[in-house]
Amino acid sequence: REFDSNFRYVLVAARRARQIQQGAQPLVVSRTTKPHKVAQEEIKAGKVGYIRRETNVLRPEVEGPAIPRFAS
């Protein structure tokens, strides 16, 4: 899966590397034992990705006709 930014790629790789350091089994066979390299190889192989939550969705606290209307 493609990442929408390098920042997100780094966050995902760091989180996965931390999981590997804490004992999680690698999802790919790798010649290296360094957690950050294994995490990068897992991402490259498509074994690790991310789910983006929609945080820009505005939800009113008051429903229906009780929502105040403002003159524009």
PDB file of N, CA and C in Angstrom:
ATOM      1  N   ARG A   1       0.845  -1.180   0.000  1.00  0.00           N
ATOM      2  CA  ARG A   1       0.000   0.000   0.000  1.00  0.00           C
ATOM      3  C   ARG A   1       0.884   1.234   0.000  1.00  0.00           C
ATOM      4  N   GLU A   2       0.460   2.217  -0.735  1.00  0.00           N
ATOM      5  CA  GLU A   2       1.198   3.472  -0.795  1.00  0.00           C
ATOM      6  C   GLU A   2       0.869   4.311   0.442  1.00  0.00           C
ATOM      7  N   PHE A   3       1.848   5.056   0.888  1.00  0.00           N
ATOM      8  CA  PHE A   3       1.659   5.952   2.025  1.00  0.00           C
ATOM      9  C   PHE A   3       1.448   7.359   1.491  1.00  0.00           C
ATOM     10  N   ASP A   4       0.582   8.120   2.165  1.00  0.00           N
ATOM     11  CA  ASP A   4       0.275   9.465   1.707  1.00  0.00           C
ATOM     12  C   ASP A   4       1.365  10.472   2.088  1.00  0.00           C
ATOM     13  N   SER A   5       2.304  10.062   2.952  1.00  0.00           N
ATOM     14  CA  SER A   5       3.412  10.952   3.299  1.00  0.00           C
ATOM     15  C   SER A   5       4.562  10.129   3.882  1.00  0.00           C
ATOM     16  N   ASN A   6       5.742  10.680   3.815  1.00  0.00           N
ATOM     17  CA  ASN A   6       6.900  10.018   4.418  1.00  0.00           C
ATOM     18  C   ASN A   6       6.759   9.949   5.935  1.00  0.00           C
ATOM     19  N   PHE A   7       6.127  10.954   6.498  1.00  0.00           N
ATOM     20  CA  PHE A   7       5.913  10.980   7.940  1.00  0.00           C
ATOM     21  C   PHE A   7       5.095   9.770   8.386  1.00  0.00           C
ATOM     22  N   ARG A   8       4.025   9.467   7.664  1.00  0.00           N
ATOM     23  CA  ARG A   8       3.189   8.322   8.018  1.00  0.00           C
ATOM     24  C   ARG A   8       3.974   7.018   7.868  1.00  0.00           C
ATOM     25  N   TYR A   9       4.802   6.914   6.818  1.00  0.00           N
ATOM     26  CA  TYR A   9       5.639   5.730   6.620  1.00  0.00           C
ATOM     27  C   TYR A   9       6.562   5.519   7.820  1.00  0.00           C
ATOM     28  N   VAL A  10       7.187   6.584   8.274  1.00  0.00           N
ATOM     29  CA  VAL A  10       8.097   6.491   9.413  1.00  0.00           C
ATOM     30  C   VAL A  10       7.342   6.086  10.676  1.00  0.00           C
ATOM     31  N   LEU A  11       6.160   6.641  10.885  1.00  0.00           N
ATOM     32  CA  LEU A  11       5.369   6.277  12.060  1.00  0.00           C
ATOM     33  C   LEU A  11       5.006   4.790  12.054  1.00  0.00           C
ATOM     34  N   VAL A  12       4.564   4.297  10.900  1.00  0.00           N
ATOM     35  CA  VAL A  12       4.179   2.890  10.797  1.00  0.00           C
ATOM     36  C   VAL A  12       5.398   1.992  10.998  1.00  0.00           C
ATOM     37  N   ALA A  13       6.514   2.323  10.370  1.00  0.00           N
ATOM     38  CA  ALA A  13       7.731   1.521  10.511  1.00  0.00           C
ATOM     39  C   ALA A  13       8.224   1.521  11.959  1.00  0.00           C
ATOM     40  N   ALA A  14       8.181   2.667  12.615  1.00  0.00           N
ATOM     41  CA  ALA A  14       8.636   2.750  14.005  1.00  0.00           C
ATOM     42  C   ALA A  14       7.747   1.932  14.926  1.00  0.00           C
ATOM     43  N   ARG A  15       6.444   2.009  14.708  1.00  0.00           N
ATOM     44  CA  ARG A  15       5.517   1.238  15.551  1.00  0.00           C
ATOM     45  C   ARG A  15       5.728  -0.258  15.361  1.00  0.00           C
ATOM     46  N   ARG A  16       5.914  -0.680  14.102  1.00  0.00           N
ATOM     47  CA  ARG A  16       6.135  -2.103  13.835  1.00  0.00           C
ATOM     48  C   ARG A  16       7.487  -2.553  14.391  1.00  0.00           C
ATOM     49  N   ALA A  17       8.514  -1.731  14.278  1.00  0.00           N
ATOM     50  CA  ALA A  17       9.829  -2.075  14.835  1.00  0.00           C
ATOM     51  C   ALA A  17       9.738  -2.247  16.349  1.00  0.00           C
ATOM     52  N   ARG A  18       8.975  -1.395  17.003  1.00  0.00           N
ATOM     53  CA  ARG A  18       8.788  -1.512  18.448  1.00  0.00           C
ATOM     54  C   ARG A  18       8.094  -2.829  18.794  1.00  0.00           C
ATOM     55  N   GLN A  19       7.111  -3.232  17.991  1.00  0.00           N
ATOM     56  CA  GLN A  19       6.438  -4.510  18.222  1.00  0.00           C
ATOM     57  C   GLN A  19       7.422  -5.670  18.100  1.00  0.00           C
ATOM     58  N   ILE A  20       8.288  -5.602  17.098  1.00  0.00           N
ATOM     59  CA  ILE A  20       9.279  -6.665  16.891  1.00  0.00           C
ATOM     60  C   ILE A  20      10.263  -6.699  18.063  1.00  0.00           C
ATOM     61  N   GLN A  21      10.689  -5.542  18.535  1.00  0.00           N
ATOM     62  CA  GLN A  21      11.593  -5.478  19.687  1.00  0.00           C
ATOM     63  C   GLN A  21      10.967  -6.113  20.924  1.00  0.00           C
ATOM     64  N   GLN A  22       9.648  -5.993  21.048  1.00  0.00           N
ATOM     65  CA  GLN A  22       8.952  -6.514  22.219  1.00  0.00           C
ATOM     66  C   GLN A  22       8.565  -7.984  22.056  1.00  0.00           C
ATOM     67  N   GLY A  23       8.994  -8.615  20.959  1.00  0.00           N
ATOM     68  CA  GLY A  23       8.794 -10.053  20.839  1.00  0.00           C
ATOM     69  C   GLY A  23       7.858 -10.520  19.741  1.00  0.00           C
ATOM     70  N   ALA A  24       7.280  -9.615  18.965  1.00  0.00           N
ATOM     71  CA  ALA A  24       6.399 -10.030  17.873  1.00  0.00           C
ATOM     72  C   ALA A  24       7.211 -10.759  16.806  1.00  0.00           C
ATOM     73  N   GLN A  25       6.620 -11.759  16.198  1.00  0.00           N
ATOM     74  CA  GLN A  25       7.293 -12.529  15.162  1.00  0.00           C
ATOM     75  C   GLN A  25       7.321 -11.737  13.859  1.00  0.00           C
ATOM     76  N   PRO A  26       8.463 -11.717  13.175  1.00  0.00           N
ATOM     77  CA  PRO A  26       8.531 -11.042  11.874  1.00  0.00           C
ATOM     78  C   PRO A  26       7.605 -11.709  10.859  1.00  0.00           C
ATOM     79  N   LEU A  27       7.053 -10.924   9.962  1.00  0.00           N
ATOM     80  CA  LEU A  27       6.122 -11.425   8.957  1.00  0.00           C
ATOM     81  C   LEU A  27       6.819 -11.816   7.669  1.00  0.00           C
ATOM     82  N   VAL A  28       8.113 -11.537   7.556  1.00  0.00           N
ATOM     83  CA  VAL A  28       8.900 -11.904   6.380  1.00  0.00           C
ATOM     84  C   VAL A  28      10.206 -12.552   6.846  1.00  0.00           C
ATOM     85  N   VAL A  29      10.780 -13.357   5.972  1.00  0.00           N
ATOM     86  CA  VAL A  29      12.102 -13.920   6.249  1.00  0.00           C
ATOM     87  C   VAL A  29      13.130 -12.874   5.851  1.00  0.00           C
ATOM     88  N   SER A  30      14.037 -12.572   6.782  1.00  0.00           N
ATOM     89  CA  SER A  30      15.002 -11.515   6.544  1.00  0.00           C
ATOM     90  C   SER A  30      16.393 -11.972   6.951  1.00  0.00           C
ATOM     91  N   ARG A  31      17.396 -11.440   6.275  1.00  0.00           N
ATOM     92  CA  ARG A  31      18.779 -11.766   6.631  1.00  0.00           C
ATOM     93  C   ARG A  31      19.255 -10.926   7.807  1.00  0.00           C
ATOM     94  N   THR A  32      18.565  -9.857   8.097  1.00  0.00           N
ATOM     95  CA  THR A  32      18.958  -8.976   9.196  1.00  0.00           C
ATOM     96  C   THR A  32      18.115  -9.255  10.434  1.00  0.00           C
ATOM     97  N   THR A  33      18.653  -8.893  11.570  1.00  0.00           N
ATOM     98  CA  THR A  33      17.896  -9.038  12.820  1.00  0.00           C
ATOM     99  C   THR A  33      17.528  -7.673  13.400  1.00  0.00           C
ATOM    100  N   LYS A  34      17.918  -6.610  12.722  1.00  0.00           N
ATOM    101  CA  LYS A  34      17.612  -5.265  13.205  1.00  0.00           C
ATOM    102  C   LYS A  34      16.115  -4.993  13.007  1.00  0.00           C
ATOM    103  N   PRO A  35      15.423  -4.661  14.088  1.00  0.00           N
ATOM    104  CA  PRO A  35      13.975  -4.481  14.005  1.00  0.00           C
ATOM    105  C   PRO A  35      13.521  -3.437  12.985  1.00  0.00           C
ATOM    106  N   HIS A  36      14.246  -2.323  12.877  1.00  0.00           N
ATOM    107  CA  HIS A  36      13.801  -1.274  11.950  1.00  0.00           C
ATOM    108  C   HIS A  36      13.944  -1.733  10.501  1.00  0.00           C
ATOM    109  N   LYS A  37      14.962  -2.524  10.201  1.00  0.00           N
ATOM    110  CA  LYS A  37      15.134  -3.025   8.832  1.00  0.00           C
ATOM    111  C   LYS A  37      14.077  -4.087   8.513  1.00  0.00           C
ATOM    112  N   VAL A  38      13.783  -4.944   9.483  1.00  0.00           N
ATOM    113  CA  VAL A  38      12.753  -5.960   9.290  1.00  0.00           C
ATOM    114  C   VAL A  38      11.405  -5.282   9.051  1.00  0.00           C
ATOM    115  N   ALA A  39      11.110  -4.239   9.820  1.00  0.00           N
ATOM    116  CA  ALA A  39       9.851  -3.507   9.655  1.00  0.00           C
ATOM    117  C   ALA A  39       9.770  -2.895   8.258  1.00  0.00           C
ATOM    118  N   GLN A  40      10.860  -2.332   7.766  1.00  0.00           N
ATOM    119  CA  GLN A  40      10.864  -1.757   6.421  1.00  0.00           C
ATOM    120  C   GLN A  40      10.643  -2.832   5.363  1.00  0.00           C
ATOM    121  N   GLU A  41      11.242  -3.997   5.555  1.00  0.00           N
ATOM    122  CA  GLU A  41      11.051  -5.094   4.603  1.00  0.00           C
ATOM    123  C   GLU A  41       9.609  -5.591   4.622  1.00  0.00           C
ATOM    124  N   GLU A  42       8.996  -5.625   5.792  1.00  0.00           N
ATOM    125  CA  GLU A  42       7.593  -6.026   5.899  1.00  0.00           C
ATOM    126  C   GLU A  42       6.691  -5.041   5.159  1.00  0.00           C
ATOM    127  N   ILE A  43       6.972  -3.766   5.298  1.00  0.00           N
ATOM    128  CA  ILE A  43       6.179  -2.748   4.598  1.00  0.00           C
ATOM    129  C   ILE A  43       6.359  -2.892   3.095  1.00  0.00           C
ATOM    130  N   LYS A  44       7.600  -3.075   2.658  1.00  0.00           N
ATOM    131  CA  LYS A  44       7.882  -3.220   1.232  1.00  0.00           C
ATOM    132  C   LYS A  44       7.181  -4.450   0.649  1.00  0.00           C
ATOM    133  N   ALA A  45       7.081  -5.526   1.448  1.00  0.00           N
ATOM    134  CA  ALA A  45       6.430  -6.756   1.003  1.00  0.00           C
ATOM    135  C   ALA A  45       4.902  -6.659   1.064  1.00  0.00           C
ATOM    136  N   GLY A  46       4.383  -5.553   1.611  1.00  0.00           N
ATOM    137  CA  GLY A  46       2.936  -5.376   1.690  1.00  0.00           C
ATOM    138  C   GLY A  46       2.293  -6.107   2.849  1.00  0.00           C
ATOM    139  N   LYS A  47       3.082  -6.521   3.817  1.00  0.00           N
ATOM    140  CA  LYS A  47       2.566  -7.251   4.975  1.00  0.00           C
ATOM    141  C   LYS A  47       2.083  -6.330   6.080  1.00  0.00           C
ATOM    142  N   VAL A  48       2.547  -5.078   6.061  1.00  0.00           N
ATOM    143  CA  VAL A  48       2.183  -4.108   7.090  1.00  0.00           C
ATOM    144  C   VAL A  48       1.671  -2.858   6.391  1.00  0.00           C
ATOM    145  N   GLY A  49       0.578  -2.336   6.884  1.00  0.00           N
ATOM    146  CA  GLY A  49       0.003  -1.114   6.333  1.00  0.00           C
ATOM    147  C   GLY A  49      -0.599  -0.298   7.453  1.00  0.00           C
ATOM    148  N   TYR A  50      -1.556   0.519   7.117  1.00  0.00           N
ATOM    149  CA  TYR A  50      -2.208   1.344   8.123  1.00  0.00           C
ATOM    150  C   TYR A  50      -3.652   1.580   7.716  1.00  0.00           C
ATOM    151  N   ILE A  51      -4.438   1.920   8.692  1.00  0.00           N
ATOM    152  CA  ILE A  51      -5.832   2.299   8.459  1.00  0.00           C
ATOM    153  C   ILE A  51      -5.959   3.752   8.871  1.00  0.00           C
ATOM    154  N   ARG A  52      -6.385   4.566   7.949  1.00  0.00           N
ATOM    155  CA  ARG A  52      -6.524   5.993   8.229  1.00  0.00           C
ATOM    156  C   ARG A  52      -7.917   6.268   8.760  1.00  0.00           C
ATOM    157  N   ARG A  53      -7.970   6.852   9.936  1.00  0.00           N
ATOM    158  CA  ARG A  53      -9.256   7.236  10.512  1.00  0.00           C
ATOM    159  C   ARG A  53      -9.610   8.624  10.040  1.00  0.00           C
ATOM    160  N   GLU A  54     -10.856   8.824   9.748  1.00  0.00           N
ATOM    161  CA  GLU A  54     -11.326  10.140   9.320  1.00  0.00           C
ATOM    162  C   GLU A  54     -11.479  11.018  10.558  1.00  0.00           C
ATOM    163  N   THR A  55     -10.601  11.994  10.690  1.00  0.00           N
ATOM    164  CA  THR A  55     -10.672  12.882  11.843  1.00  0.00           C
ATOM    165  C   THR A  55     -11.286  14.229  11.492  1.00  0.00           C
ATOM    166  N   ASN A  56     -11.515  14.461  10.214  1.00  0.00           N
ATOM    167  CA  ASN A  56     -12.061  15.749   9.789  1.00  0.00           C
ATOM    168  C   ASN A  56     -13.580  15.757   9.730  1.00  0.00           C
ATOM    169  N   VAL A  57     -14.197  14.679  10.168  1.00  0.00           N
ATOM    170  CA  VAL A  57     -15.653  14.599  10.119  1.00  0.00           C
ATOM    171  C   VAL A  57     -16.220  15.365  11.311  1.00  0.00           C
ATOM    172  N   LEU A  58     -17.060  16.339  11.023  1.00  0.00           N
ATOM    173  CA  LEU A  58     -17.691  17.120  12.080  1.00  0.00           C
ATOM    174  C   LEU A  58     -19.023  16.491  12.430  1.00  0.00           C
ATOM    175  N   ARG A  59     -19.212  16.194  13.689  1.00  0.00           N
ATOM    176  CA  ARG A  59     -20.470  15.613  14.142  1.00  0.00           C
ATOM    177  C   ARG A  59     -21.095  16.574  15.148  1.00  0.00           C
ATOM    178  N   PRO A  60     -22.313  16.992  14.885  1.00  0.00           N
ATOM    179  CA  PRO A  60     -22.960  17.907  15.833  1.00  0.00           C
ATOM    180  C   PRO A  60     -23.289  17.185  17.134  1.00  0.00           C
ATOM    181  N   GLU A  61     -23.186  17.914  18.238  1.00  0.00           N
ATOM    182  CA  GLU A  61     -23.530  17.344  19.529  1.00  0.00           C
ATOM    183  C   GLU A  61     -25.033  17.356  19.756  1.00  0.00           C
ATOM    184  N   VAL A  62     -25.724  18.211  19.035  1.00  0.00           N
ATOM    185  CA  VAL A  62     -27.174  18.303  19.137  1.00  0.00           C
ATOM    186  C   VAL A  62     -27.751  17.865  17.803  1.00  0.00           C
ATOM    187  N   GLU A  63     -28.727  16.970  17.835  1.00  0.00           N
ATOM    188  CA  GLU A  63     -29.259  16.440  16.583  1.00  0.00           C
ATOM    189  C   GLU A  63     -30.532  17.166  16.134  1.00  0.00           C
ATOM    190  N   GLY A  64     -30.799  17.041  14.860  1.00  0.00           N
ATOM    191  CA  GLY A  64     -32.037  17.480  14.261  1.00  0.00           C
ATOM    192  C   GLY A  64     -32.306  18.976  14.329  1.00  0.00           C
ATOM    193  N   PRO A  65     -33.592  19.337  14.492  1.00  0.00           N
ATOM    194  CA  PRO A  65     -33.989  20.736  14.452  1.00  0.00           C
ATOM    195  C   PRO A  65     -33.476  21.571  15.635  1.00  0.00           C
ATOM    196  N   ALA A  66     -32.904  20.925  16.659  1.00  0.00           N
ATOM    197  CA  ALA A  66     -32.401  21.673  17.797  1.00  0.00           C
ATOM    198  C   ALA A  66     -31.060  22.354  17.488  1.00  0.00           C
ATOM    199  N   ILE A  67     -30.487  22.057  16.309  1.00  0.00           N
ATOM    200  CA  ILE A  67     -29.223  22.692  15.933  1.00  0.00           C
ATOM    201  C   ILE A  67     -29.505  24.157  15.630  1.00  0.00           C
ATOM    202  N   PRO A  68     -28.826  25.078  16.303  1.00  0.00           N
ATOM    203  CA  PRO A  68     -29.099  26.494  16.055  1.00  0.00           C
ATOM    204  C   PRO A  68     -28.679  26.906  14.646  1.00  0.00           C
ATOM    205  N   ARG A  69     -29.468  27.759  14.057  1.00  0.00           N
ATOM    206  CA  ARG A  69     -29.184  28.289  12.719  1.00  0.00           C
ATOM    207  C   ARG A  69     -28.750  29.740  12.880  1.00  0.00           C
ATOM    208  N   PHE A  70     -27.698  30.082  12.173  1.00  0.00           N
ATOM    209  CA  PHE A  70     -27.185  31.448  12.259  1.00  0.00           C
ATOM    210  C   PHE A  70     -27.402  32.151  10.931  1.00  0.00           C
ATOM    211  N   ALA A  71     -27.723  33.420  11.022  1.00  0.00           N
ATOM    212  CA  ALA A  71     -27.934  34.220   9.813  1.00  0.00           C
ATOM    213  C   ALA A  71     -26.574  34.486   9.175  1.00  0.00           C
ATOM    214  N   SER A  72     -26.559  34.434   7.856  1.00  0.00           N
ATOM    215  CA  SER A  72     -25.280  34.702   7.177  1.00  0.00           C
ATOM    216  C   SER A  72     -25.281  36.049   6.530  1.00  0.00           C
TER     217      SER A  72
END
